[in-house]
Protein backbone atom coordinates (compact mmCIF):
# COMPACT_ATOMS: atom_id res chain seq x y z
CA UNK A 1 -11.06 9.74 -10.55
CA UNK A 2 -8.54 11.38 -13.15
CA UNK A 3 -5.38 9.91 -14.23
CA UNK A 4 -2.32 12.39 -15.54
CA UNK A 5 -1.39 11.56 -18.70
CA UNK A 6 1.45 14.21 -20.04
CA UNK A 7 -0.65 17.19 -19.44
CA UNK A 8 -4.16 15.62 -20.15
CA UNK A 9 -6.31 14.35 -17.50
CA UNK A 10 -7.97 11.41 -18.19
CA UNK A 11 -11.32 9.86 -16.16
CA UNK A 12 -11.95 6.47 -15.83
CA UNK A 13 -14.86 6.99 -18.39
CA UNK A 14 -12.68 8.19 -20.80
CA UNK A 15 -10.28 5.24 -20.60
CA UNK A 16 -13.10 2.76 -20.61
CA UNK A 17 -14.66 4.29 -23.61
CA UNK A 18 -11.62 4.41 -25.58
CA UNK A 19 -11.15 0.60 -25.25
CA UNK A 20 -14.57 0.10 -26.32
CA UNK A 21 -14.14 2.40 -29.24
CA UNK A 22 -11.12 0.62 -30.40
CA UNK A 23 -12.98 -2.70 -30.58
CA UNK A 24 -11.48 -4.63 -27.92
CA UNK A 25 -13.15 -7.92 -27.98
CA UNK A 26 -12.73 -8.55 -24.22
CA UNK A 27 -12.11 -6.09 -21.48
CA UNK A 28 -11.45 -7.40 -17.67
CA UNK A 29 -12.07 -5.26 -14.64
CA UNK A 30 -11.26 -6.20 -11.20
CA UNK A 31 -12.69 -4.24 -8.46
CA UNK A 32 -14.76 -4.49 -5.31
CA UNK A 33 -16.73 -1.28 -6.44
CA UNK A 34 -18.79 -3.04 -8.75
CA UNK A 35 -21.59 -0.42 -8.66
CA UNK A 36 -19.39 1.97 -9.72
CA UNK A 37 -18.24 0.16 -12.69
CA UNK A 38 -21.49 -0.86 -13.94
CA UNK A 39 -22.38 2.78 -13.96
CA UNK A 40 -19.20 3.83 -15.93
CA UNK A 41 -20.40 1.06 -18.52
CA UNK A 42 -24.07 1.98 -18.66
CA UNK A 43 -23.26 5.74 -19.21
CA UNK A 44 -20.73 4.97 -22.34
CA UNK A 45 -23.67 2.53 -23.81
CA UNK A 46 -26.21 4.96 -23.32
CA UNK A 47 -24.22 7.91 -24.68
CA UNK A 48 -22.98 5.69 -27.75
CA UNK A 49 -26.54 4.51 -28.38
CA UNK A 50 -25.58 1.19 -27.83
CA UNK A 51 -27.68 -1.75 -26.39
CA UNK A 52 -26.05 -3.45 -23.04
CA UNK A 53 -26.58 -6.58 -21.85
CA UNK A 54 -25.59 -7.80 -18.15
CA UNK A 55 -25.14 -11.32 -16.84
CA UNK A 56 -25.13 -12.56 -13.47
CA UNK A 57 -25.80 -16.22 -12.17
CA UNK A 58 -29.20 -14.79 -10.33
CA UNK A 59 -30.81 -12.90 -13.40
CA UNK A 60 -29.51 -14.51 -16.25
CA UNK A 61 -28.77 -12.16 -19.44
CA UNK A 62 -30.95 -8.74 -19.05
CA UNK A 63 -31.37 -5.37 -20.31
CA UNK A 64 -28.85 -3.33 -18.41
CA UNK A 65 -30.19 0.28 -19.46
CA UNK A 66 -34.09 0.07 -19.01
CA UNK A 67 -35.97 0.10 -15.78
CA UNK A 68 -38.00 -3.35 -16.46
CA UNK A 69 -35.01 -5.38 -17.23
CA UNK A 70 -36.15 -7.83 -19.96
CA UNK A 71 -34.50 -11.29 -19.32
CA UNK A 72 -33.29 -13.87 -21.71
CA UNK A 73 -35.08 -16.91 -20.75
CA UNK A 74 -32.95 -20.20 -19.51
CA UNK A 75 -29.64 -17.78 -19.40
CA UNK A 76 -29.01 -18.17 -15.70
CA UNK A 77 -26.38 -20.99 -16.35
CA UNK A 78 -23.00 -19.17 -17.72
CA UNK A 79 -22.74 -21.81 -20.48
CA UNK A 80 -26.19 -20.95 -21.48
CA UNK A 81 -25.83 -17.10 -21.66
CA UNK A 82 -22.30 -17.62 -23.43
CA UNK A 83 -24.16 -20.08 -26.02
CA UNK A 84 -26.83 -17.43 -26.47
CA UNK A 85 -24.36 -14.80 -26.79
CA UNK A 86 -22.15 -16.77 -29.52
CA UNK A 87 -25.52 -17.08 -31.77
CA UNK A 88 -26.48 -13.28 -31.34
CA UNK A 89 -25.80 -10.86 -34.43
CA UNK A 90 -24.90 -7.33 -34.51
CA UNK A 91 -22.23 -5.23 -32.59
CA UNK A 92 -22.92 -6.12 -28.70
CA UNK A 93 -21.63 -4.60 -25.49
CA UNK A 94 -21.81 -7.17 -22.89
CA UNK A 95 -20.95 -7.02 -19.19
CA UNK A 96 -20.63 -10.63 -17.49
CA UNK A 97 -20.44 -10.24 -13.29
CA UNK A 98 -18.32 -12.74 -11.63
CA UNK A 99 -17.77 -15.06 -14.41
CA UNK A 100 -14.20 -16.14 -13.43
CA UNK A 101 -15.41 -18.81 -10.77
CA UNK A 102 -17.77 -20.63 -13.56
CA UNK A 103 -14.53 -21.19 -15.88
CA UNK A 104 -13.13 -24.14 -14.10
CA UNK A 105 -16.04 -25.61 -16.46
CA UNK A 106 -14.18 -26.81 -19.68
CA UNK A 107 -17.28 -26.14 -21.61
CA UNK A 108 -17.85 -22.63 -20.53
CA UNK A 109 -14.37 -21.62 -20.89
CA UNK A 110 -14.39 -23.06 -24.39
CA UNK A 111 -17.80 -21.16 -25.30
CA UNK A 112 -16.16 -18.19 -23.74
CA UNK A 113 -13.12 -18.25 -25.83
CA UNK A 114 -15.22 -18.54 -29.08
CA UNK A 115 -17.55 -15.88 -28.01
CA UNK A 116 -14.29 -13.64 -27.62
CA UNK A 117 -13.01 -14.54 -31.16
CA UNK A 118 -16.54 -13.87 -32.81
CA UNK A 119 -16.97 -10.32 -31.06
CA UNK A 120 -13.48 -9.84 -32.17
CA UNK A 121 -14.88 -9.88 -35.68
CA UNK A 122 -17.92 -8.44 -35.06
CA UNK A 123 -16.75 -5.20 -33.53
CA UNK A 124 -18.30 -5.99 -30.31
CA UNK A 125 -16.82 -5.84 -26.70
CA UNK A 126 -17.53 -8.67 -23.59
CA UNK A 127 -16.32 -7.02 -20.32
CA UNK A 128 -15.92 -9.47 -17.60
CA UNK A 129 -16.35 -7.70 -14.02
CA UNK A 130 -15.23 -9.49 -11.31
CA UNK A 131 -13.67 -9.11 -7.55
CA UNK A 132 -10.75 -10.91 -8.04
CA UNK A 133 -8.44 -12.28 -11.09
CA UNK A 134 -8.90 -15.83 -11.12
CA UNK A 135 -9.06 -15.68 -14.70
CA UNK A 136 -7.20 -18.58 -16.70
CA UNK A 137 -4.14 -17.58 -18.83
CA UNK A 138 -5.69 -18.23 -22.09
CA UNK A 139 -8.47 -15.58 -21.09
CA UNK A 140 -5.98 -13.06 -19.93
CA UNK A 141 -4.15 -13.53 -23.20
CA UNK A 142 -6.99 -12.46 -25.37
CA UNK A 143 -8.16 -9.55 -22.78
CA UNK A 144 -7.38 -6.04 -22.08
CA UNK A 145 -7.04 -5.16 -18.25
CA UNK A 146 -8.62 -2.13 -17.03
CA UNK A 147 -8.24 -0.84 -13.58
CA UNK A 148 -10.61 1.62 -11.71
CA UNK A 149 -9.32 4.40 -10.14
CA UNK A 150 -9.57 5.81 -6.61
CA UNK A 151 -11.50 8.84 -6.48
CA UNK A 152 -9.14 12.00 -6.42
CA UNK A 153 -10.03 15.13 -4.15
CA UNK A 154 -12.39 16.55 -6.55
CA UNK A 155 -14.59 13.38 -6.33
CA UNK A 156 -14.26 12.53 -2.95
CA UNK A 157 -15.46 16.36 -2.16
CA UNK A 158 -18.48 15.70 -4.16
CA UNK A 159 -19.00 12.35 -2.67
CA UNK A 160 -19.05 13.75 1.01
CA UNK A 161 -21.48 16.90 -0.01
CA UNK A 162 -23.72 14.24 -1.57
CA UNK A 163 -23.77 11.98 1.05
CA UNK A 164 -24.64 15.12 3.48
CA UNK A 165 -27.23 16.34 1.27
CA UNK A 166 -29.02 12.81 1.24
CA UNK A 167 -28.69 12.58 4.97
CA UNK A 168 -30.10 15.73 5.59
CA UNK A 169 -32.91 15.18 3.23
CA UNK A 170 -34.01 11.88 5.32
CA UNK A 171 -33.47 13.81 8.57
CA UNK A 172 -32.11 17.25 9.25
CA UNK A 173 -28.22 17.48 9.97
CA UNK A 174 -26.50 20.71 11.08
CA UNK A 175 -22.99 20.92 8.78
CA UNK A 176 -20.73 23.53 10.63
CA UNK A 177 -17.64 23.30 8.90
CA UNK A 178 -15.58 25.86 6.89
CA UNK A 179 -14.12 25.45 3.40
CA UNK A 180 -10.16 24.79 4.58
CA UNK A 181 -11.77 22.30 7.08
CA UNK A 182 -13.47 20.39 4.54
CA UNK A 183 -10.44 20.25 2.41
CA UNK A 184 -8.34 18.86 5.50
CA UNK A 185 -11.20 16.16 5.67
CA UNK A 186 -10.86 15.34 1.95
CA UNK A 187 -7.35 15.12 2.35
CA UNK A 188 -7.54 12.23 5.15
CA UNK A 189 -9.90 10.29 2.96
CA UNK A 190 -7.84 9.82 0.23
CA UNK A 191 -6.67 6.16 -0.94
CA UNK A 192 -10.14 4.92 0.18
CA UNK A 193 -12.78 3.62 -2.09
CA UNK A 194 -16.05 5.78 -3.10
CA UNK A 195 -18.10 3.40 -0.79
CA UNK A 196 -15.58 3.50 2.06
CA UNK A 197 -15.74 7.25 1.65
CA UNK A 198 -19.73 7.22 1.83
CA UNK A 199 -20.12 4.83 4.63
CA UNK A 200 -17.58 6.90 7.01
CA UNK A 201 -19.57 10.11 6.35
CA UNK A 202 -22.50 8.52 7.11
CA UNK A 203 -21.43 6.95 10.17
CA UNK A 204 -19.94 10.16 11.57
CA UNK A 205 -23.57 11.94 11.51
CA UNK A 206 -25.99 8.96 11.70
CA UNK A 207 -26.17 9.43 15.60
CA UNK A 208 -25.66 13.29 16.34
CA UNK A 209 -27.07 14.60 13.04
CA UNK A 210 -24.05 16.64 13.02
CA UNK A 211 -20.96 17.25 10.90
CA UNK A 212 -17.95 19.42 11.63
CA UNK A 213 -14.32 19.23 12.17
CA UNK A 214 -14.61 17.37 15.49
CA UNK A 215 -15.30 14.54 13.16
CA UNK A 216 -11.69 14.04 11.61
CA UNK A 217 -10.94 11.83 14.70
CA UNK A 218 -13.77 9.54 13.70
CA UNK A 219 -12.54 9.55 10.05
CA UNK A 220 -9.07 9.00 10.85
CA UNK A 221 -9.84 6.24 12.86
CA UNK A 222 -12.30 4.79 10.45
CA UNK A 223 -9.70 4.85 7.99
CA UNK A 224 -7.12 2.86 9.81
CA UNK A 225 -9.64 0.34 10.10
CA UNK A 226 -10.59 0.27 6.41
CA UNK A 227 -6.89 0.19 5.43
CA UNK A 228 -6.18 -3.27 8.21
CA UNK A 229 -9.43 -4.93 6.77
CA UNK A 230 -7.91 -3.98 2.77
CA UNK A 231 -4.81 -6.08 3.96
CA UNK A 232 -2.65 -4.04 1.72
CA UNK A 233 -1.32 -1.38 3.78
CA UNK A 234 -0.98 -1.30 7.55
CA UNK A 235 -1.19 2.18 9.26
CA UNK A 236 1.50 2.02 11.83
CA UNK A 237 1.63 4.62 14.95
CA UNK A 238 4.52 7.10 15.08
CA UNK A 239 5.07 7.94 18.34
CA UNK A 240 9.06 8.08 18.24
CA UNK A 241 10.95 11.22 16.57
CA UNK A 242 14.56 11.46 15.95
CA UNK A 243 15.64 12.76 19.24
CA UNK A 244 14.59 8.95 20.59
CA UNK A 245 16.91 7.23 18.15
CA UNK A 246 20.67 7.27 19.45
CA UNK A 247 23.37 7.62 16.76
CA UNK A 248 22.57 7.93 13.14
CA UNK A 249 23.86 11.27 12.49
CA UNK A 250 24.26 11.47 9.05
CA UNK A 251 20.79 9.65 8.13
CA UNK A 252 19.46 12.31 10.62
CA UNK A 253 21.30 15.45 8.65
CA UNK A 254 20.29 13.79 5.30
CA UNK A 255 16.49 13.80 6.69
CA UNK A 256 16.69 17.17 8.05
CA UNK A 257 18.29 18.59 4.80
CA UNK A 258 15.42 17.26 2.64
CA UNK A 259 12.73 17.46 4.76
CA UNK A 260 11.08 20.72 2.80
CA UNK A 261 12.37 19.37 -0.56
CA UNK A 262 8.81 18.27 -1.54
CA UNK A 263 7.23 21.96 -1.34
CA UNK A 264 6.44 24.13 -4.10
CA UNK A 265 9.27 26.42 -3.26
CA UNK A 266 11.80 23.42 -3.63
CA UNK A 267 10.35 22.34 -6.71
CA UNK A 268 10.22 26.07 -8.46
CA UNK A 269 14.24 25.67 -7.52
CA UNK A 270 14.52 22.64 -9.28
CA UNK A 271 14.07 19.99 -6.96
CA UNK A 272 12.28 17.02 -7.25
CA UNK A 273 10.42 15.15 -3.99
CA UNK A 274 13.00 12.75 -2.24
CA UNK A 275 11.98 9.24 -3.35
CA UNK A 276 13.29 6.97 -0.75
CA UNK A 277 16.05 5.36 1.21
CA UNK A 278 17.28 1.65 1.48
CA UNK A 279 18.56 0.78 4.95
CA UNK A 280 20.84 -2.29 5.29
CA UNK A 281 22.52 -3.03 8.48
CA UNK A 282 22.72 -5.29 11.23
CA UNK A 283 19.20 -6.91 13.03
CA UNK A 284 18.24 -4.76 15.58
CA UNK A 285 20.41 -2.02 14.84
CA UNK A 286 17.22 0.54 14.40
CA UNK A 287 16.41 0.48 10.95
CA UNK A 288 12.74 -0.34 11.50
CA UNK A 289 12.55 2.47 14.21
CA UNK A 290 14.20 4.96 11.80
CA UNK A 291 11.15 4.27 9.34
CA UNK A 292 8.83 5.43 12.12
CA UNK A 293 10.99 8.26 13.24
CA UNK A 294 11.09 9.37 9.23
CA UNK A 295 7.60 9.76 9.47
CA UNK A 296 7.27 11.68 12.81
CA UNK A 297 9.76 13.90 12.00
CA UNK A 298 8.34 14.89 8.31
CA UNK A 299 4.55 14.91 9.85
CA UNK A 300 3.65 12.41 7.27
CA UNK A 301 1.37 9.24 7.81
CA UNK A 302 3.27 6.00 7.99
CA UNK A 303 1.88 2.99 6.01
CA UNK A 304 3.52 -0.60 6.02
CA UNK A 305 3.24 -2.78 3.24
CA UNK A 306 4.02 -6.42 3.49
CA UNK A 307 4.81 -7.84 0.07
CA UNK A 308 4.51 -11.25 1.04
CA UNK A 309 1.05 -11.02 2.30
CA UNK A 310 0.30 -9.61 -1.38
CA UNK A 311 1.17 -13.19 -2.73
CA UNK A 312 -1.87 -14.91 -4.14
CA UNK A 313 -2.43 -18.79 -5.58
CA UNK A 314 -4.16 -17.11 -8.43
CA UNK A 315 -2.84 -15.90 -11.78
CA UNK A 316 -2.43 -12.34 -11.97
CA UNK A 317 -4.05 -11.96 -8.41
CA UNK A 318 -0.49 -11.02 -6.75
CA UNK A 319 0.35 -8.56 -9.05
CA UNK A 320 -3.20 -6.97 -9.15
CA UNK A 321 -2.68 -6.78 -5.32
CA UNK A 322 0.71 -5.08 -5.71
CA UNK A 323 -0.70 -2.48 -7.95
CA UNK A 324 -3.59 -1.76 -5.98
CA UNK A 325 -1.14 -1.14 -3.11
CA UNK A 326 0.95 1.18 -4.38
CA UNK A 327 -2.02 2.95 -6.23
CA UNK A 328 -3.71 3.37 -2.67
CA UNK A 329 -0.32 4.43 -1.30
CA UNK A 330 -0.04 7.56 -4.11
CA UNK A 331 -3.88 8.54 -3.63
CA UNK A 332 -2.76 8.95 -0.05
CA UNK A 333 0.50 11.07 -0.60
CA UNK A 334 2.06 12.67 1.02
CA UNK A 335 3.10 9.62 3.01
CA UNK A 336 6.31 7.14 4.15
CA UNK A 337 5.85 3.88 2.59
CA UNK A 338 7.68 1.51 4.35
CA UNK A 339 8.69 -2.06 3.13
CA UNK A 340 10.33 -3.86 6.03
CA UNK A 341 12.80 -7.12 5.08
CA UNK A 342 12.16 -6.34 1.45
CA UNK A 343 14.51 -8.93 0.47
CA UNK A 344 12.06 -11.66 2.10
CA UNK A 345 9.31 -11.04 -0.68
CA UNK A 346 11.81 -10.66 -3.73
CA UNK A 347 14.20 -13.04 -2.92
CA UNK A 348 13.49 -15.69 -5.79
CA UNK A 349 13.66 -12.70 -8.10
CA UNK A 350 17.27 -12.74 -7.51
CA UNK A 351 17.77 -16.46 -8.80
CA UNK A 352 16.05 -18.98 -10.79
CA UNK A 353 12.76 -19.10 -8.89
CA UNK A 354 10.12 -22.27 -8.92
CA UNK A 355 7.04 -20.12 -8.76
CA UNK A 356 6.78 -19.70 -12.49
CA UNK A 357 8.29 -16.05 -12.56
CA UNK A 358 5.79 -14.96 -10.00
CA UNK A 359 8.69 -12.97 -7.91
CA UNK A 360 10.09 -11.42 -11.08
CA UNK A 361 6.97 -9.87 -12.32
CA UNK A 362 6.23 -8.73 -8.52
CA UNK A 363 9.78 -7.41 -8.46
CA UNK A 364 9.37 -5.89 -11.72
CA UNK A 365 6.15 -3.84 -11.01
CA UNK A 366 7.76 -2.55 -7.74
CA UNK A 367 10.92 -1.41 -9.94
CA UNK A 368 8.88 0.16 -12.41
CA UNK A 369 6.73 2.10 -9.64
CA UNK A 370 9.96 3.22 -7.79
CA UNK A 371 11.44 4.55 -11.22
CA UNK A 372 8.11 6.38 -12.77
CA UNK A 373 6.10 7.45 -9.65
CA UNK A 374 5.40 11.10 -9.24
CA UNK A 375 3.14 11.30 -6.37
CA UNK A 376 4.87 12.34 -3.03
CA UNK A 377 5.73 8.84 -1.63
CA UNK A 378 8.74 8.33 0.07
CA UNK A 379 10.00 4.56 0.30
CA UNK A 380 11.75 3.50 3.12
CA UNK A 381 12.95 -0.11 2.46
CA UNK A 382 14.83 -1.92 5.39
CA UNK A 383 16.87 -5.53 4.37
CA UNK A 384 19.04 -7.58 6.78
CA UNK A 385 20.13 -10.15 4.42
CA UNK A 386 21.99 -8.59 1.39
CA UNK A 387 23.16 -11.68 -0.51
CA UNK A 388 18.83 -11.94 -1.13
CA UNK A 389 18.81 -8.44 -2.91
CA UNK A 390 18.10 -8.74 -6.51
CA UNK A 391 21.05 -6.54 -8.05
CA UNK A 392 18.49 -4.75 -10.04
CA UNK A 393 17.03 -3.13 -6.57
CA UNK A 394 20.88 -1.76 -5.68
CA UNK A 395 21.27 0.02 -8.99
CA UNK A 396 21.85 4.05 -8.69
CA UNK A 397 18.72 6.03 -9.02
CA UNK A 398 16.59 3.23 -7.46
CA UNK A 399 17.10 5.23 -3.84
CA UNK A 400 18.09 8.34 -3.11
CA UNK A 401 20.39 7.03 -0.70
CA UNK A 402 21.60 3.32 0.91
CA UNK A 403 22.53 3.70 4.46
CA UNK A 404 24.47 1.17 6.37
CA UNK A 405 23.11 0.87 9.80
CA UNK A 406 26.01 -0.77 11.95
CA UNK A 407 26.11 -1.60 15.78
CA UNK A 408 26.30 1.37 17.84
CA UNK A 409 29.72 2.63 18.97
CA UNK A 410 30.32 3.52 22.74
CA UNK A 411 29.30 7.09 22.76
CA UNK A 412 26.14 6.17 21.02
CA UNK A 413 25.55 3.25 23.57
CA UNK A 414 25.38 5.49 26.38
CA UNK A 415 22.85 7.79 24.54
CA UNK A 416 21.03 4.72 23.84
CA UNK A 417 20.76 3.52 27.25
CA UNK A 418 20.07 7.23 28.58
CA UNK A 419 16.77 7.23 26.28
CA UNK A 420 15.60 3.54 27.35
CA UNK A 421 16.02 4.38 31.15
CA UNK A 422 14.30 7.84 30.53
CA UNK A 423 11.47 6.17 28.57
CA UNK A 424 10.76 4.04 31.82
CA UNK A 425 10.97 6.91 34.17
CA UNK A 426 14.45 6.63 35.35
CA UNK A 427 16.73 9.45 35.65
CA UNK A 428 19.82 8.73 33.49
CA UNK A 429 22.20 10.71 35.33
CA UNK A 430 21.64 8.37 38.43
CA UNK A 431 23.64 5.38 36.28
CA UNK A 432 26.95 4.97 35.19
CA UNK A 433 26.28 5.25 31.56
CA UNK A 434 30.06 4.98 31.08
CA UNK A 435 30.19 1.64 32.43
CA UNK A 436 26.82 0.49 30.74
CA UNK A 437 28.59 1.56 27.33
CA UNK A 438 31.65 -0.43 27.90
CA UNK A 439 29.92 -3.79 29.13
CA UNK A 440 27.35 -3.46 26.18
CA UNK A 441 30.14 -3.55 23.52
CA UNK A 442 28.81 -5.64 20.18
CA UNK A 443 25.29 -4.94 21.30
CA UNK A 444 22.67 -3.38 19.10
CA UNK A 445 20.09 -1.05 20.22
CA UNK A 446 17.49 -3.57 20.48
CA UNK A 447 19.67 -5.64 22.76
CA UNK A 448 20.36 -2.86 25.02
CA UNK A 449 16.63 -1.90 25.17
CA UNK A 450 15.95 -5.66 26.05
CA UNK A 451 18.62 -5.81 28.68
CA UNK A 452 16.92 -2.73 30.66
CA UNK A 453 13.80 -4.54 30.36
CA UNK A 454 15.51 -7.56 32.07
CA UNK A 455 17.01 -5.71 34.55
CA UNK A 456 13.38 -3.86 35.26
CA UNK A 457 11.72 -7.36 35.86
CA UNK A 458 14.67 -8.70 38.12
CA UNK A 459 14.40 -5.14 40.17
CA UNK A 460 10.76 -5.74 40.15
CA UNK A 461 10.62 -9.22 41.23
CA UNK A 462 13.37 -8.87 44.18
CA UNK A 463 11.19 -5.46 45.25
CA UNK A 464 14.58 -3.38 44.53
CA UNK A 465 15.16 -0.01 42.68
CA UNK A 466 16.61 -0.53 39.20
CA UNK A 467 20.58 -0.07 39.34
CA UNK A 468 23.53 -0.06 37.14
CA UNK A 469 24.57 -3.27 38.66
CA UNK A 470 21.58 -5.13 37.79
CA UNK A 471 21.80 -3.74 34.14
CA UNK A 472 25.39 -5.09 33.72
CA UNK A 473 24.32 -8.05 35.07
CA UNK A 474 21.47 -8.74 32.43
CA UNK A 475 23.69 -7.55 29.98
CA UNK A 476 26.19 -9.90 30.76
CA UNK A 477 23.85 -12.82 30.78
CA UNK A 478 22.91 -12.45 27.22
CA UNK A 479 25.23 -12.68 24.56
CA UNK A 480 24.57 -10.25 21.58
CA UNK A 481 23.88 -11.06 17.76
CA UNK A 482 27.66 -9.84 17.04
CA UNK A 483 29.12 -12.83 18.92
CA UNK A 484 26.45 -15.75 18.12
CA UNK A 485 26.51 -14.47 14.05
CA UNK A 486 29.79 -12.67 14.12
CA UNK A 487 30.73 -14.22 10.50
CA UNK A 488 27.56 -13.01 8.94
CA UNK A 489 27.65 -9.30 10.86
CA UNK A 490 31.28 -9.18 9.53
CA UNK A 491 30.38 -10.30 5.84
CA UNK A 492 27.69 -7.60 5.98
CA UNK A 493 30.09 -4.75 6.95
CA UNK A 494 32.63 -5.53 4.42
CA UNK A 495 29.52 -5.44 1.66
CA UNK A 496 28.45 -2.26 2.79
CA UNK A 497 32.36 -0.31 2.50
CA UNK A 498 32.14 1.53 -0.29
CA UNK A 499 28.50 0.80 -1.27
CA UNK A 500 26.26 2.31 1.48
CA UNK A 501 26.79 5.61 3.58
CA UNK A 502 27.41 4.88 7.17
CA UNK A 503 24.19 6.16 8.87
CA UNK A 504 26.27 7.30 11.93
């Protein structure tokens, strides 16, 4: 994988080699791709003609380059291995696996800090390769963090081709795929790790011994499963389009105008890709539905990020998980990234939090990404409680626009009733939409939908057909949120006036 820096592309190996050449005493790598990271370290050691020692609790200290893997006796215990390194002379390159779990022992932690101090004086480098970030703060302060990248299109293409070749050597497979079709496959594998890409390709051919464009559906399904297991991003189906959302005329016009702004022609014209919108409004007014409709209208995948799920009890792990999620979103671009109820995740950032500054750090990471990312990731953030939003999020330039989604007016309520009746197999013209719109004054789109559903249940239970009167009864039996929380709705409207663009 490469990272763009100015006009120069840097590989993971380039970046890691620079840290080692600069004599960084301690480098931490947190990744689930241990084999890939070890290969990087091994290649650097081999090319720089340096010995490499690798430690694990199973094998102790061993030679990381030779096939016979000579072992230092009695170094399986982490403290023993560190004691051995403390008394080794010369310029060393050492990689220790899964050490963080052993640092709860005070003696081991003290030895590690002593080793880092000695390595700094000797020009040696200690690499801590782990699957999580439970490193004590005193070690984090001494260490340089290195993040491995996800594979780019070129590397994914190499992995796909290499996997198919290996599978063919074991047992012949039939590959019938054109160059353009392969490019489509590669595009849809973005955002996955190297191991995930390889396993998905193996799964595609293991039974029928065939690889073609028909495997794309399997690839998409496997990718959704991989995202769900990772817990960072959730793939959301987008069965709706903008025509299935009542009202919101200004928002729809805005989206239509910017739909083609991510093209090469638009960039040549001087435009940049749209970055995102903040949608503030009354609960149930359709903000979440809009996120789905935007993705469908722009023909982009929709990924939902739940920031609350990113929080971890270990120092540094939450920030790393957020960075990983944002990096994965960039690799899968162009996409729509949906952050629902963003105020709940970062509410503590707006005040003096009691979480040791974690909310502020997480919020700062998100703001930096919003300002600096260049990949075509369109962020849709929704919020119900504007008082909990940190002021920095509302600064001009964070979002392309802030929309206020209010309760629907009478004409829009007619439209919403028609949409939900048609969705459930009823002909809207057979109902008195004017009467329904009038009786549902103050209802949100979600509340109108629930009224239609409640009336359907009543009609089914009494073996009658759905009618205008039945829907009216359902509406009258359920007071809307605008009544039960009238003061909050009014406060929200007053705040939005002059700050947000009305979505309708």
